[in-house]
Each structure stands twice: as structure tokens, then as C-alpha cells.
Protein backbone atom coordinates (compact mmCIF):
# COMPACT_ATOMS: atom_id res chain seq x y z
CA UNK A 1 -30.60 22.09 -56.94
CA UNK A 2 -31.52 19.36 -59.22
CA UNK A 3 -29.62 20.24 -62.06
CA UNK A 4 -26.34 20.37 -59.85
CA UNK A 5 -26.78 16.82 -58.54
CA UNK A 6 -27.00 15.55 -62.37
CA UNK A 7 -24.46 17.49 -62.97
CA UNK A 8 -22.08 16.32 -59.95
CA UNK A 9 -23.55 13.06 -61.17
CA UNK A 10 -22.02 12.74 -64.41
CA UNK A 11 -18.61 14.27 -63.62
CA UNK A 12 -18.32 11.54 -60.78
CA UNK A 13 -19.39 8.11 -63.48
CA UNK A 14 -16.54 6.15 -64.12
CA UNK A 15 -15.48 6.02 -68.06
CA UNK A 16 -16.08 3.30 -70.01
CA UNK A 17 -12.78 1.93 -71.42
CA UNK A 18 -11.95 2.25 -75.14
CA UNK A 19 -13.90 -0.56 -76.33
CA UNK A 20 -16.48 -1.20 -74.14
CA UNK A 21 -19.54 -2.16 -75.15
CA UNK A 22 -23.02 -2.84 -73.27
CA UNK A 23 -22.59 -3.58 -69.78
CA UNK A 24 -22.59 -7.62 -69.76
CA UNK A 25 -20.23 -7.69 -72.96
CA UNK A 26 -16.55 -6.17 -73.91
CA UNK A 27 -15.93 -5.33 -77.61
CA UNK A 28 -12.44 -4.93 -79.45
CA UNK A 29 -12.51 -4.17 -82.98
CA UNK A 30 -9.41 -3.56 -85.45
CA UNK A 31 -9.47 -2.55 -89.02
CA UNK A 32 -10.88 -6.08 -90.28
CA UNK A 33 -12.44 -7.47 -87.41
CA UNK A 34 -15.09 -6.72 -84.73
CA UNK A 35 -15.56 -8.82 -81.67
CA UNK A 36 -18.14 -8.45 -78.94
CA UNK A 37 -17.31 -10.62 -75.68
CA UNK A 38 -20.20 -11.90 -73.45
CA UNK A 39 -19.16 -11.20 -69.51
CA UNK A 40 -21.02 -14.03 -68.93
CA UNK A 41 -18.60 -17.13 -70.18
CA UNK A 42 -16.20 -15.18 -71.55
CA UNK A 43 -18.08 -16.18 -75.30
CA UNK A 44 -17.97 -13.96 -78.19
CA UNK A 45 -21.37 -13.10 -78.91
CA UNK A 46 -20.48 -11.22 -82.31
CA UNK A 47 -18.13 -11.93 -84.36
CA UNK A 48 -17.20 -9.79 -87.72
CA UNK A 49 -14.89 -9.50 -90.62
CA UNK A 50 -14.98 -7.44 -93.46
CA UNK A 51 -13.53 -7.07 -96.68
CA UNK A 52 -10.78 -4.81 -97.09
CA UNK A 53 -11.88 -2.27 -93.82
CA UNK A 54 -14.79 -2.26 -92.25
CA UNK A 55 -15.66 1.23 -92.31
CA UNK A 56 -15.57 0.83 -96.47
CA UNK A 57 -17.65 -2.13 -96.03
CA UNK A 58 -20.33 -0.06 -93.53
CA UNK A 59 -19.83 2.84 -96.20
CA UNK A 60 -20.80 0.19 -98.69
CA UNK A 61 -17.61 0.10 -100.72
CA UNK A 62 -16.73 -3.56 -98.91
CA UNK A 63 -18.36 -6.55 -97.75
CA UNK A 64 -18.73 -7.92 -94.32
CA UNK A 65 -19.72 -10.97 -92.27
CA UNK A 66 -20.58 -12.38 -89.59
CA UNK A 67 -19.13 -15.67 -87.67
CA UNK A 68 -21.12 -14.87 -84.61
CA UNK A 69 -24.23 -13.21 -84.40
CA UNK A 70 -27.16 -13.46 -81.36
CA UNK A 71 -29.87 -15.99 -82.66
CA UNK A 72 -28.26 -17.34 -85.76
CA UNK A 73 -27.27 -20.65 -84.16
CA UNK A 74 -23.40 -19.64 -83.20
CA UNK A 75 -21.01 -20.07 -81.08
CA UNK A 76 -16.86 -20.01 -80.02
CA UNK A 77 -16.77 -21.65 -76.70
CA UNK A 78 -14.52 -23.19 -74.38
CA UNK A 79 -15.96 -26.02 -72.13
CA UNK A 80 -13.40 -27.88 -69.59
CA UNK A 81 -13.70 -31.56 -70.08
CA UNK A 82 -12.88 -33.90 -66.90
CA UNK A 83 -13.92 -37.67 -65.66
CA UNK A 84 -16.34 -35.42 -62.74
CA UNK A 85 -18.05 -34.51 -65.86
CA UNK A 86 -17.71 -31.02 -68.06
CA UNK A 87 -17.06 -27.34 -66.63
CA UNK A 88 -19.33 -24.77 -68.78
CA UNK A 89 -17.06 -21.52 -68.54
CA UNK A 90 -21.09 -20.27 -69.25
CA UNK A 91 -21.70 -20.58 -65.84
CA UNK A 92 -18.97 -18.35 -64.64
CA UNK A 93 -18.46 -14.16 -64.56
CA UNK A 94 -15.48 -13.20 -65.62
CA UNK A 95 -13.88 -9.37 -65.51
CA UNK A 96 -12.35 -8.40 -68.73
CA UNK A 97 -9.06 -6.16 -69.13
CA UNK A 98 -7.88 -4.31 -72.77
CA UNK A 99 -4.34 -6.14 -73.64
CA UNK A 100 -3.59 -4.35 -76.40
CA UNK A 101 0.00 -3.82 -78.20
CA UNK A 102 1.94 -3.19 -81.66
CA UNK A 103 0.30 -6.39 -83.39
CA UNK A 104 -3.10 -6.92 -81.53
CA UNK A 105 -5.49 -5.57 -80.04
CA UNK A 106 -7.37 -7.36 -77.94
CA UNK A 107 -8.92 -7.98 -74.21
CA UNK A 108 -8.06 -10.69 -71.53
CA UNK A 109 -11.41 -12.24 -69.00
CA UNK A 110 -10.51 -13.88 -65.69
CA UNK A 111 -12.81 -15.56 -63.34
CA UNK A 112 -11.98 -18.34 -60.46
CA UNK A 113 -13.35 -21.88 -61.53
CA UNK A 114 -15.62 -23.93 -58.71
CA UNK A 115 -11.83 -25.53 -57.59
CA UNK A 116 -10.21 -24.30 -54.77
CA UNK A 117 -7.25 -22.58 -55.75
CA UNK A 118 -7.54 -22.29 -59.28
CA UNK A 119 -8.23 -19.36 -61.82
CA UNK A 120 -8.88 -19.18 -65.39
CA UNK A 121 -7.43 -16.62 -67.93
CA UNK A 122 -9.38 -16.40 -71.71
CA UNK A 123 -7.49 -13.61 -73.80
CA UNK A 124 -8.83 -12.88 -77.36
CA UNK A 125 -5.89 -11.14 -79.14
CA UNK A 126 -6.69 -9.69 -82.79
CA UNK A 127 -4.71 -8.76 -85.71
CA UNK A 128 -4.49 -4.66 -86.08
CA UNK A 129 -4.22 -5.80 -89.96
CA UNK A 130 -5.11 -9.36 -90.71
CA UNK A 131 -8.07 -12.07 -89.64
CA UNK A 132 -6.24 -13.74 -87.17
CA UNK A 133 -7.40 -13.93 -83.87
CA UNK A 134 -4.85 -15.73 -81.24
CA UNK A 135 -7.38 -17.39 -77.77
CA UNK A 136 -5.06 -18.21 -75.04
CA UNK A 137 -6.28 -20.37 -72.42
CA UNK A 138 -4.65 -20.13 -69.06
CA UNK A 139 -4.92 -21.69 -65.33
CA UNK A 140 -3.70 -19.90 -63.03
CA UNK A 141 -3.21 -20.41 -58.86
CA UNK A 142 -1.90 -23.21 -56.60
CA UNK A 143 -4.28 -25.63 -58.07
CA UNK A 144 -3.90 -25.49 -61.99
CA UNK A 145 -0.71 -28.08 -62.67
CA UNK A 146 -3.49 -30.54 -60.72
CA UNK A 147 -6.32 -29.26 -62.38
CA UNK A 148 -4.72 -29.01 -65.59
CA UNK A 149 -3.82 -32.72 -65.18
CA UNK A 150 -7.21 -33.88 -64.48
CA UNK A 151 -8.97 -32.35 -67.56
CA UNK A 152 -9.24 -31.14 -71.41
CA UNK A 153 -10.24 -28.16 -72.60
CA UNK A 154 -13.06 -28.23 -75.87
CA UNK A 155 -13.04 -25.70 -77.85
CA UNK A 156 -16.54 -25.33 -79.64
CA UNK A 157 -16.66 -23.28 -83.02
CA UNK A 158 -20.02 -22.50 -84.95
CA UNK A 159 -19.94 -20.45 -87.75
CA UNK A 160 -23.72 -19.03 -88.15
CA UNK A 161 -25.87 -18.35 -91.04
CA UNK A 162 -24.14 -16.17 -92.74
CA UNK A 163 -21.24 -18.33 -94.08
CA UNK A 164 -23.57 -20.37 -94.96
CA UNK A 165 -25.11 -21.19 -98.22
CA UNK A 166 -26.88 -18.55 -100.64
CA UNK A 167 -30.40 -19.60 -102.48
CA UNK A 168 -29.47 -20.72 -105.72
CA UNK A 169 -31.60 -22.47 -108.44
CA UNK A 170 -30.29 -25.11 -110.58
CA UNK A 171 -26.38 -25.52 -111.37
CA UNK A 172 -25.78 -22.63 -109.87
CA UNK A 173 -26.53 -24.29 -106.69
CA UNK A 174 -23.50 -26.67 -106.72
CA UNK A 175 -21.06 -23.60 -106.29
CA UNK A 176 -23.53 -22.59 -102.81
CA UNK A 177 -22.55 -25.09 -99.86
CA UNK A 178 -20.82 -25.04 -96.57
CA UNK A 179 -18.11 -28.01 -95.87
CA UNK A 180 -15.72 -29.16 -92.79
CA UNK A 181 -12.40 -28.53 -93.79
CA UNK A 182 -8.72 -29.59 -92.79
CA UNK A 183 -5.44 -28.11 -94.31
CA UNK A 184 -2.52 -30.29 -93.37
CA UNK A 185 0.50 -31.55 -95.21
CA UNK A 186 0.70 -28.55 -97.75
CA UNK A 187 -3.33 -29.69 -99.02
CA UNK A 188 -6.93 -29.04 -98.20
CA UNK A 189 -9.04 -31.32 -98.39
CA UNK A 190 -12.83 -31.74 -97.27
CA UNK A 191 -13.73 -33.98 -94.52
CA UNK A 192 -17.68 -35.26 -95.91
CA UNK A 193 -18.78 -36.80 -92.15
CA UNK A 194 -18.48 -36.34 -88.97
CA UNK A 195 -16.59 -40.32 -88.42
CA UNK A 196 -13.83 -39.06 -91.12
CA UNK A 197 -12.86 -35.90 -88.60
CA UNK A 198 -8.68 -36.86 -87.78
CA UNK A 199 -6.60 -35.93 -85.84
CA UNK A 200 -4.39 -32.99 -86.11
CA UNK A 201 -0.58 -31.09 -85.25
CA UNK A 202 0.32 -28.75 -83.69
CA UNK A 203 0.38 -25.99 -86.64
CA UNK A 204 -2.42 -28.02 -88.65
CA UNK A 205 -5.63 -26.26 -89.45
CA UNK A 206 -8.49 -27.47 -89.11
CA UNK A 207 -12.83 -25.50 -89.80
CA UNK A 208 -15.46 -24.74 -92.09
CA UNK A 209 -15.37 -22.79 -95.50
CA UNK A 210 -18.08 -21.60 -97.46
CA UNK A 211 -17.93 -20.00 -101.12
CA UNK A 212 -16.10 -16.98 -100.25
CA UNK A 213 -15.43 -16.78 -96.38
CA UNK A 214 -13.73 -19.47 -94.14
CA UNK A 215 -13.66 -20.11 -90.20
CA UNK A 216 -10.80 -22.12 -89.03
CA UNK A 217 -9.24 -22.30 -85.86
CA UNK A 218 -5.54 -23.79 -85.54
CA UNK A 219 -3.83 -25.50 -82.09
CA UNK A 220 -0.75 -23.98 -81.65
CA UNK A 221 1.40 -25.87 -79.07
CA UNK A 222 -0.39 -29.20 -78.32
CA UNK A 223 -1.81 -31.53 -81.52
CA UNK A 224 -5.40 -32.36 -81.13
CA UNK A 225 -8.65 -34.89 -82.04
CA UNK A 226 -11.54 -33.33 -84.53
CA UNK A 227 -15.00 -34.64 -83.79
CA UNK A 228 -18.03 -33.07 -85.05
CA UNK A 229 -21.91 -33.64 -84.88
CA UNK A 230 -23.78 -35.18 -87.29
CA UNK A 231 -27.20 -33.25 -86.92
CA UNK A 232 -25.19 -29.98 -87.95
CA UNK A 233 -23.80 -31.15 -90.94
CA UNK A 234 -20.85 -29.07 -91.97
CA UNK A 235 -21.26 -26.36 -89.01
CA UNK A 236 -20.05 -28.03 -85.74
CA UNK A 237 -16.54 -28.78 -84.93
CA UNK A 238 -15.13 -29.93 -81.39
CA UNK A 239 -11.63 -29.74 -81.01
CA UNK A 240 -9.95 -31.97 -77.80
CA UNK A 241 -7.08 -32.37 -76.79
CA UNK A 242 -5.50 -35.37 -76.44
CA UNK A 243 -5.84 -37.46 -73.82
CA UNK A 244 -3.74 -38.34 -71.49
CA UNK A 245 -1.13 -35.73 -72.33
CA UNK A 246 2.75 -35.95 -71.57
CA UNK A 247 2.46 -33.63 -69.08
CA UNK A 248 -0.34 -31.51 -66.68
CA UNK A 249 -0.73 -28.60 -69.18
CA UNK A 250 -1.79 -25.16 -67.64
CA UNK A 251 -2.25 -23.17 -71.08
CA UNK A 252 -4.15 -23.66 -74.49
CA UNK A 253 -3.20 -21.23 -77.49
CA UNK A 254 -5.10 -21.59 -80.79
CA UNK A 255 -5.16 -19.14 -83.17
CA UNK A 256 -8.32 -18.98 -85.20
CA UNK A 257 -8.73 -17.76 -88.93
CA UNK A 258 -12.36 -15.58 -89.89
CA UNK A 259 -11.92 -14.39 -93.18
CA UNK A 260 -12.30 -13.97 -96.81
CA UNK A 261 -10.90 -17.04 -98.94
CA UNK A 262 -8.11 -14.65 -100.51
CA UNK A 263 -4.52 -15.58 -101.39
CA UNK A 264 -3.07 -12.68 -99.35
CA UNK A 265 -5.12 -12.52 -97.01
CA UNK A 266 -4.78 -16.65 -96.06
CA UNK A 267 -1.26 -16.86 -96.66
CA UNK A 268 -0.08 -13.50 -94.40
CA UNK A 269 -1.81 -15.31 -91.87
CA UNK A 270 -0.21 -18.76 -92.60
CA UNK A 271 1.70 -19.97 -95.29
CA UNK A 272 0.20 -22.92 -94.92
CA UNK A 273 -3.73 -21.97 -95.69
CA UNK A 274 -2.61 -21.01 -99.38
CA UNK A 275 -3.97 -24.05 -100.80
CA UNK A 276 -7.17 -23.16 -98.95
CA UNK A 277 -7.79 -20.93 -102.13
CA UNK A 278 -8.86 -23.46 -105.33
CA UNK A 279 -8.62 -26.64 -103.32
CA UNK A 280 -10.79 -28.79 -105.38
CA UNK A 281 -8.31 -28.78 -108.79
CA UNK A 282 -5.74 -30.81 -109.38
CA UNK A 283 -2.60 -30.03 -108.70
CA UNK A 284 -1.72 -28.57 -112.41
CA UNK A 285 -5.43 -27.19 -113.42
CA UNK A 286 -4.79 -25.34 -109.89
CA UNK A 287 -1.31 -23.89 -111.30
CA UNK A 288 -3.44 -23.06 -114.60
CA UNK A 289 -6.51 -21.13 -112.55
CA UNK A 290 -3.97 -19.53 -110.21
CA UNK A 291 -2.41 -17.78 -113.14
CA UNK A 292 -5.57 -16.84 -114.13
CA UNK A 293 -6.44 -15.37 -111.46
CA UNK A 294 -2.86 -13.40 -111.16
CA UNK A 295 -4.03 -12.00 -115.07
CA UNK A 296 -7.56 -11.23 -113.68
CA UNK A 297 -5.98 -8.84 -110.55
CA UNK A 298 -4.10 -7.35 -113.28
CA UNK A 299 -6.58 -6.50 -115.38
CA UNK A 300 -8.65 -5.54 -112.43
CA UNK A 301 -5.78 -2.91 -111.23
CA UNK A 302 -5.60 -1.70 -114.50
CA UNK A 303 -9.28 -1.24 -115.74
CA UNK A 304 -10.83 -0.28 -112.67
CA UNK A 305 -13.36 -2.50 -113.01
CA UNK A 306 -14.05 -6.49 -112.45
CA UNK A 307 -16.48 -6.33 -115.00
CA UNK A 308 -14.21 -4.87 -117.73
CA UNK A 309 -10.95 -6.96 -116.64
CA UNK A 310 -13.41 -10.30 -116.93
CA UNK A 311 -13.83 -9.23 -120.71
CA UNK A 312 -10.42 -8.51 -121.37
CA UNK A 313 -9.26 -11.85 -119.86
CA UNK A 314 -11.55 -13.68 -122.15
CA UNK A 315 -10.04 -11.41 -125.25
CA UNK A 316 -6.43 -12.15 -123.46
CA UNK A 317 -6.97 -16.29 -123.11
CA UNK A 318 -7.83 -15.67 -126.81
CA UNK A 319 -5.24 -14.06 -127.79
CA UNK A 320 -2.71 -16.35 -126.07
CA UNK A 321 -4.14 -19.47 -127.11
CA UNK A 322 -4.36 -18.86 -130.74
CA UNK A 323 -0.92 -20.55 -131.75
CA UNK A 324 -2.47 -23.20 -130.62
CA UNK A 325 -6.32 -22.70 -131.67
CA UNK A 326 -4.46 -22.41 -135.34
CA UNK A 327 -2.99 -25.79 -135.16
CA UNK A 328 -6.16 -27.34 -133.91
CA UNK A 329 -8.49 -25.27 -136.89
CA UNK A 330 -5.85 -26.52 -139.36
CA UNK A 331 -6.79 -30.05 -138.13
CA UNK A 332 -10.49 -29.45 -138.46
CA UNK A 333 -10.32 -28.25 -141.76
CA UNK A 334 -7.99 -31.80 -142.17
CA UNK A 335 -10.75 -33.75 -140.32
CA UNK A 336 -13.73 -31.62 -142.99
CA UNK A 337 -11.47 -32.13 -146.18
CA UNK A 338 -11.18 -36.40 -145.20
CA UNK A 339 -15.34 -36.26 -144.56
CA UNK A 340 -15.87 -34.19 -147.90
CA UNK A 341 -13.58 -36.84 -150.02
CA UNK A 342 -15.47 -39.84 -148.04
CA UNK A 343 -19.05 -38.68 -147.94
CA UNK A 344 -19.67 -39.88 -151.58
CA UNK A 345 -18.63 -43.94 -150.94
CA UNK A 346 -19.52 -43.54 -147.81
CA UNK A 347 -23.03 -42.72 -148.78
CA UNK A 348 -23.09 -45.49 -151.50
CA UNK A 349 -22.36 -47.84 -149.82
CA UNK A 350 -24.85 -47.09 -146.49
CA UNK A 351 -27.53 -47.04 -148.92
CA UNK A 352 -25.94 -50.19 -151.07
CA UNK A 353 -25.00 -52.53 -147.39
CA UNK A 354 -25.61 -53.79 -144.10
CA UNK A 355 -24.49 -55.58 -141.65
CA UNK A 356 -20.96 -56.56 -141.31
CA UNK A 357 -20.16 -55.76 -145.68
CA UNK A 358 -20.52 -52.08 -144.80
CA UNK A 359 -17.98 -52.35 -142.57
CA UNK A 360 -15.80 -54.43 -144.80
CA UNK A 361 -16.49 -52.19 -147.35
CA UNK A 362 -15.88 -48.95 -145.31
CA UNK A 363 -12.92 -49.80 -143.96
CA UNK A 364 -11.49 -50.31 -148.01
CA UNK A 365 -12.56 -47.27 -148.82
CA UNK A 366 -10.93 -45.58 -145.73
CA UNK A 367 -7.77 -47.28 -147.49
CA UNK A 368 -8.59 -46.91 -150.98
CA UNK A 369 -8.01 -42.77 -149.69
CA UNK A 370 -5.42 -43.87 -146.97
CA UNK A 371 -7.36 -42.43 -144.27
CA UNK A 372 -7.11 -43.70 -140.86
CA UNK A 373 -10.30 -45.24 -139.27
CA UNK A 374 -9.71 -42.87 -136.34
CA UNK A 375 -8.95 -39.69 -138.70
CA UNK A 376 -11.89 -37.47 -136.67
CA UNK A 377 -9.54 -37.76 -133.75
CA UNK A 378 -7.75 -34.87 -134.67
CA UNK A 379 -10.61 -32.58 -134.58
CA UNK A 380 -10.75 -33.39 -130.24
CA UNK A 381 -7.32 -31.29 -130.83
CA UNK A 382 -9.67 -27.72 -129.82
CA UNK A 383 -11.45 -29.92 -126.91
CA UNK A 384 -8.17 -30.66 -125.45
CA UNK A 385 -7.48 -27.28 -125.32
CA UNK A 386 -10.73 -25.56 -124.74
CA UNK A 387 -11.25 -28.02 -121.53
CA UNK A 388 -8.14 -26.93 -119.27
CA UNK A 389 -8.85 -23.63 -119.58
CA UNK A 390 -12.66 -23.57 -119.33
CA UNK A 391 -12.53 -25.75 -115.79
CA UNK A 392 -9.34 -23.61 -114.51
CA UNK A 393 -11.44 -20.49 -115.92
CA UNK A 394 -15.11 -21.64 -114.21
CA UNK A 395 -13.10 -22.37 -110.40
CA UNK A 396 -11.50 -18.88 -111.05
CA UNK A 397 -14.46 -17.12 -110.99
CA UNK A 398 -16.35 -19.30 -108.78
CA UNK A 399 -13.55 -18.26 -105.72
CA UNK A 400 -13.00 -15.00 -107.13
CA UNK A 401 -13.85 -12.53 -103.67
CA UNK A 402 -13.47 -9.51 -105.72
CA UNK A 403 -16.71 -10.77 -107.95
CA UNK A 404 -18.77 -10.91 -104.72
CA UNK A 405 -21.83 -8.51 -104.33
CA UNK A 406 -19.42 -6.31 -107.18
CA UNK A 407 -21.51 -4.15 -109.85
CA UNK A 408 -21.87 -4.28 -113.36
CA UNK A 409 -24.37 -2.73 -115.95
CA UNK A 410 -27.50 -4.21 -115.18
CA UNK A 411 -26.09 -6.70 -112.97
CA UNK A 412 -25.90 -6.79 -108.90
CA UNK A 413 -23.61 -9.01 -108.13
CA UNK A 414 -21.41 -10.74 -110.26
CA UNK A 415 -21.10 -13.33 -108.08
CA UNK A 416 -24.39 -14.22 -108.68
CA UNK A 417 -27.11 -15.03 -111.43
CA UNK A 418 -27.62 -11.18 -113.35
CA UNK A 419 -31.34 -11.51 -112.04
CA UNK A 420 -32.37 -8.73 -114.26
CA UNK A 421 -36.29 -9.23 -113.61
CA UNK A 422 -37.80 -11.34 -110.89
CA UNK A 423 -40.28 -13.58 -112.50
CA UNK A 424 -44.12 -14.04 -111.84
CA UNK A 425 -43.80 -17.78 -110.77
CA UNK A 426 -40.57 -19.22 -109.42
CA UNK A 427 -39.69 -21.92 -112.16
CA UNK A 428 -38.43 -25.44 -111.35
CA UNK A 429 -34.62 -25.97 -112.15
CA UNK A 430 -34.33 -22.26 -113.56
CA UNK A 431 -35.24 -19.98 -110.34
CA UNK A 432 -37.43 -17.02 -109.67
CA UNK A 433 -35.60 -14.48 -111.90
CA UNK A 434 -34.92 -13.77 -115.64
CA UNK A 435 -30.95 -13.88 -116.19
CA UNK A 436 -30.69 -12.27 -119.18
CA UNK A 437 -27.19 -12.81 -120.05
CA UNK A 438 -27.39 -16.26 -120.89
CA UNK A 439 -29.94 -15.33 -123.57
CA UNK A 440 -26.93 -12.94 -124.69
CA UNK A 441 -24.68 -15.65 -124.61
CA UNK A 442 -26.54 -18.00 -126.79
CA UNK A 443 -27.67 -15.08 -128.84
CA UNK A 444 -23.93 -14.45 -130.03
CA UNK A 445 -23.28 -18.35 -130.07
CA UNK A 446 -25.85 -18.63 -132.47
CA UNK A 447 -24.67 -16.01 -135.01
CA UNK A 448 -21.27 -17.97 -134.99
CA UNK A 449 -23.10 -20.78 -136.38
CA UNK A 450 -25.33 -19.50 -138.38
CA UNK A 451 -21.88 -17.35 -140.04
CA UNK A 452 -20.21 -20.72 -139.99
CA UNK A 453 -18.59 -21.44 -143.46
CA UNK A 454 -16.38 -24.28 -144.73
CA UNK A 455 -14.76 -24.53 -147.91
CA UNK A 456 -14.61 -28.20 -147.60
CA UNK A 457 -17.98 -29.04 -146.11
CA UNK A 458 -20.60 -30.57 -148.67
CA UNK A 459 -24.48 -28.75 -148.19
CA UNK A 460 -25.81 -31.86 -146.14
CA UNK A 461 -22.54 -31.79 -143.89
CA UNK A 462 -22.78 -28.43 -143.09
CA UNK A 463 -26.34 -28.56 -142.40
CA UNK A 464 -24.92 -31.30 -139.93
CA UNK A 465 -22.27 -29.11 -137.98
CA UNK A 466 -24.40 -26.37 -137.75
CA UNK A 467 -26.84 -28.20 -135.82
CA UNK A 468 -24.67 -30.19 -133.97
CA UNK A 469 -23.42 -26.37 -132.83
CA UNK A 470 -26.49 -25.21 -132.08
CA UNK A 471 -27.43 -28.40 -130.15
CA UNK A 472 -24.35 -27.12 -127.88
CA UNK A 473 -25.25 -23.42 -127.43
CA UNK A 474 -28.65 -24.74 -125.93
CA UNK A 475 -26.97 -27.22 -123.32
CA UNK A 476 -24.62 -24.49 -122.92
CA UNK A 477 -27.28 -22.03 -122.33
CA UNK A 478 -29.30 -24.63 -119.93
CA UNK A 479 -25.76 -25.41 -118.31
CA UNK A 480 -25.04 -21.55 -117.77
CA UNK A 481 -28.56 -20.03 -117.08
CA UNK A 482 -28.50 -20.16 -113.45
CA UNK A 483 -24.27 -19.93 -113.15
CA UNK A 484 -22.88 -16.65 -111.52
CA UNK A 485 -22.97 -13.32 -113.72
CA UNK A 486 -19.12 -13.46 -114.02
CA UNK A 487 -19.21 -16.85 -115.49
CA UNK A 488 -21.72 -15.93 -117.98
CA UNK A 489 -20.06 -12.65 -119.01
CA UNK A 490 -16.98 -14.61 -119.87
CA UNK A 491 -18.39 -16.99 -121.86
CA UNK A 492 -20.35 -14.08 -123.69
CA UNK A 493 -16.97 -12.38 -124.30
CA UNK A 494 -15.07 -15.23 -125.44
CA UNK A 495 -17.77 -16.48 -127.69
CA UNK A 496 -18.31 -12.80 -129.32
CA UNK A 497 -13.80 -13.03 -129.91
CA UNK A 498 -14.52 -16.12 -131.83
CA UNK A 499 -17.26 -14.21 -134.07
CA UNK A 500 -15.27 -11.58 -134.60
CA UNK A 501 -12.09 -13.28 -135.24
CA UNK A 502 -14.52 -15.99 -137.43
CA UNK A 503 -15.67 -13.19 -139.12
CA UNK A 504 -12.16 -11.91 -140.23
CA UNK A 505 -10.82 -14.83 -140.97
CA UNK A 506 -13.85 -15.82 -144.11
CA UNK A 507 -13.46 -11.52 -144.94
CA UNK A 508 -8.92 -12.09 -145.65
CA UNK A 509 -9.51 -16.30 -146.74
CA UNK A 510 -12.63 -14.04 -149.82
CA UNK A 511 -10.13 -11.20 -150.45
CA UNK A 512 -6.93 -14.21 -151.26
CA UNK A 513 -9.73 -16.05 -153.53
CA UNK A 514 -10.59 -12.71 -154.82
CA UNK A 515 -6.93 -12.16 -155.56
CA UNK A 516 -6.21 -14.95 -156.74
CA UNK A 517 -8.80 -15.51 -159.65
CA UNK A 518 -7.13 -11.92 -160.24
CA UNK A 519 -4.04 -12.88 -160.49
CA UNK A 520 -4.60 -16.06 -162.63
């Protein structure tokens, strides 16, 4: 009898609609987004973005971030500001109804406002294959127009801890951070303080970005004043509709982007979001970095792994720059030959004279040999070639989300230091882990230095040159020790290519000299 009653109760119970969560919330899920909205206040309590999809992220073959999660201080909520005080929708109980179409999956929530004849509708429409969500707020009922003339909606957007900076030591901490950002007029710029938050027009974006992910909002049909709170640096964004409005409004629409800082994903949402990637670079360097990023993507697609692609990128860049590097090497050899020719005279002058007399005789020596006093600047050609490429590669690898949590050999994450083993105790600046790649990089650099030969330099100048190169290797070790493994892998590969090309050049010159001797 009891079993029969239980069976009747189960069969009679209403089925939970697709996408429903617990009784106090409703859930909407697409390929790349998962949203849970509380019926109390129509406020998101969980907002998750996945790359390339949530199914693959759950299987360990992708990545995901929670922009909103319970208990992490995050929130996305709407408040109606009016002359009689704010109306917090948190105090209302909403009824939810699914609202799907061919392009979106969503939910519409409805509740009565504490105002006679006014009802509020709030809908979330998630793109089925992208990272954008359209938030639409409507006032309905006979008193909607009058009430809409007296209030301004305020959208509060506070991403949670997942967007926050990950722990990092040394110079690596410079890459981690969260900050306010605005994308307008074809450019993205950081907004360092709350007082700098500007007014944005319909169609412009403002929000918060981390290193690989961003959460931004765009008012689609009204101009907006952006404000923020100083006690939440980089994590607080409030959008106020401008007052007084040109006419009473009963509907406001926002697009919210919650996803990766990846060019294809950004441009699929809005081409205007493209400048968010590599936004810290001057436009020529940014163009170079985007070209290198495209090359790295192509190499990754062809070779199957970003770690192998980074090594191939180092070789490719070396080959592409070979004509310029060859000219720079010839200029360096000319400088070395000039130094060797001047060295005996300079040593004699330095030993015998001081002050102005030394300067006068040095200039006379230059004139005698037909050498310009600034001849050594020609040796900067190689430096001037390498620096733009170094900056572009540095920023490109810092923001390439394909490296995020990508393992390679013993490296668990190419976007962070390789962390071969934990140290017994944390060391200031160097952190708490033993990173192997910087030692390998420095070892290759020192090998290149020790194997360096110049046929025109005297032994004393050769020792000075090697000492300078060893000092550069030590400086780069300090600079790169706490940098992401992808960057160190690239620089290690570049140094290895340099060592190989140097050895090939030495053997080629040696064979050329031997051939000349035999011919004589």
C-alpha cells in the first residue's frame, strides 16, 4: 500500500523544466557558458565560462573560470535608483520562464515592483556558441512609463576571485593583475582609478580584465556613466543611466562579455573588442605581436602542441631575421676590427696622459685612422633589431591563452614558471619553487659566450667582450627566473639556435681559411 502511494506521488509530481536547478534558482547552459540565476532578486549566483567548451573543460581538456560564484564577493545585480531611494531587486521573488531561440538560450524572470501597476521583467539570453549574454530589463504595466521617468537602472558588475591575479614572485608578478578597462573609439585603455571612469556611449565597452579573461558590459541602447568604488580596486563597476533621460524609458539592454581575451572570441562578440588583446603595446609593436601570434597559432596547428610550436617559432624568427642579423654581425665585426686597430694607441694615450690632453690625443688618433668618435654605435644594430621582436614576443606569449594550463615535458603550465620542485623555504623575489628552465637558458647563454671567437679582437678585448656577455646572461637569469615557462622556453630556444649558428659560422670560416692556405 505504501509503495503504491509512493508510486502515485512520483508520477503525479510535476517535471522540472530543462535547465532548472534547485528550487530557489534556475540554470541556463550553452556550449561555453553556464549561468545560475536566483529567483530571489533575479541575480546570477554562478556564472561560468569555458574554453573551448564546458564539456571539454570538465573532462580536463580545456579551461574554465567562474566570474560569479557563491561566497567570493562577486555579483551581477540591478538596482533602480530613484529620488525616494534605491529599489533593490534582491527583495523581490521572481518567477522564471525559459526563453530559447535559434541563436540563444535564456530565461525571463518576472516580479511585481513595490509600486502600483508596475512589473519588472529581466531576461538573460546566452549565445549558444559564444561568450556574450544579453541582459534586458523591462518595466511593464499601466504605471511603467511614469515610474521609468523617475528612476535610473544601476548595473553592478563585480567579478569574483577566479578573475583575480594568481600568486607570482619576482618580475612574474608584473604579468598578473586585474584592472578596469574601457574599449571605445577603436582602442582599449586601462582606467587606473575610480575617479577616471568616463562616460561611455551606447555600443562602447567597460569592465574588468585579468591576464587571460575579461568581464565587460556594453549598454546597447543608452549612454551610460561609469562609476566604481575605490575600496575594490579593479573589481567594482557600476553603470548609471544618464539623468535626466531624453524621454521616459521602460526598457534597457546590456550585452555582457564574460570570456577569454582571445581575438576570435572577442571579435565574434563585437569587432570593436579586438583591441583588448595586446592593448598595452604601441600600434607598430602590436601589429608585429599579432603577426607573431598568428605564426604561433599556425605552428601549433601544424605541430600539435604549443610547447613544440614555441621552439619552432624561435627557429622561424631567427630565419626570418637572418638577413638583418647578418648585416648587424658584419657591422659588429667592423666595430671589433676598429677597436683592435685603435687599441694600442689608446692604451699608450691612457697610460701617458690625463684630462683634456687625453681627450685631445684620443680625438687626434681617431682622425689619424679615419674613424668617427661614435663608430661604436654601429654595434647597436643587432640590439635595435632584437628589441622590437623581444617586446612583441614577450607580450604575445604573456597573453596567449593557448599556453594557459598547457603542459610540456616536466612543465605543468606554460603560462607560469615551470616549478620543477618545491624549495624547502620560500626565497624573497625567487619564490617557493625551483625553476629549471632559467638555468638551462643561462647555461646555453654561457656556452655561447665561452665559444665566442672573433678573428680581429686582441685577447684583452676578447676577455672584456666575454665578461660583458656573461653579465648579460646573469641579468637575463634574474629577469626570467620568475617569468612564465613559455617565455623562458622561447628565449632558451633562441639562444640554442644562436649557439648552433655560431658554431656553424666558426667551422665555415675555418674551412675557408684552410682552403685559402692550401691555395696559396
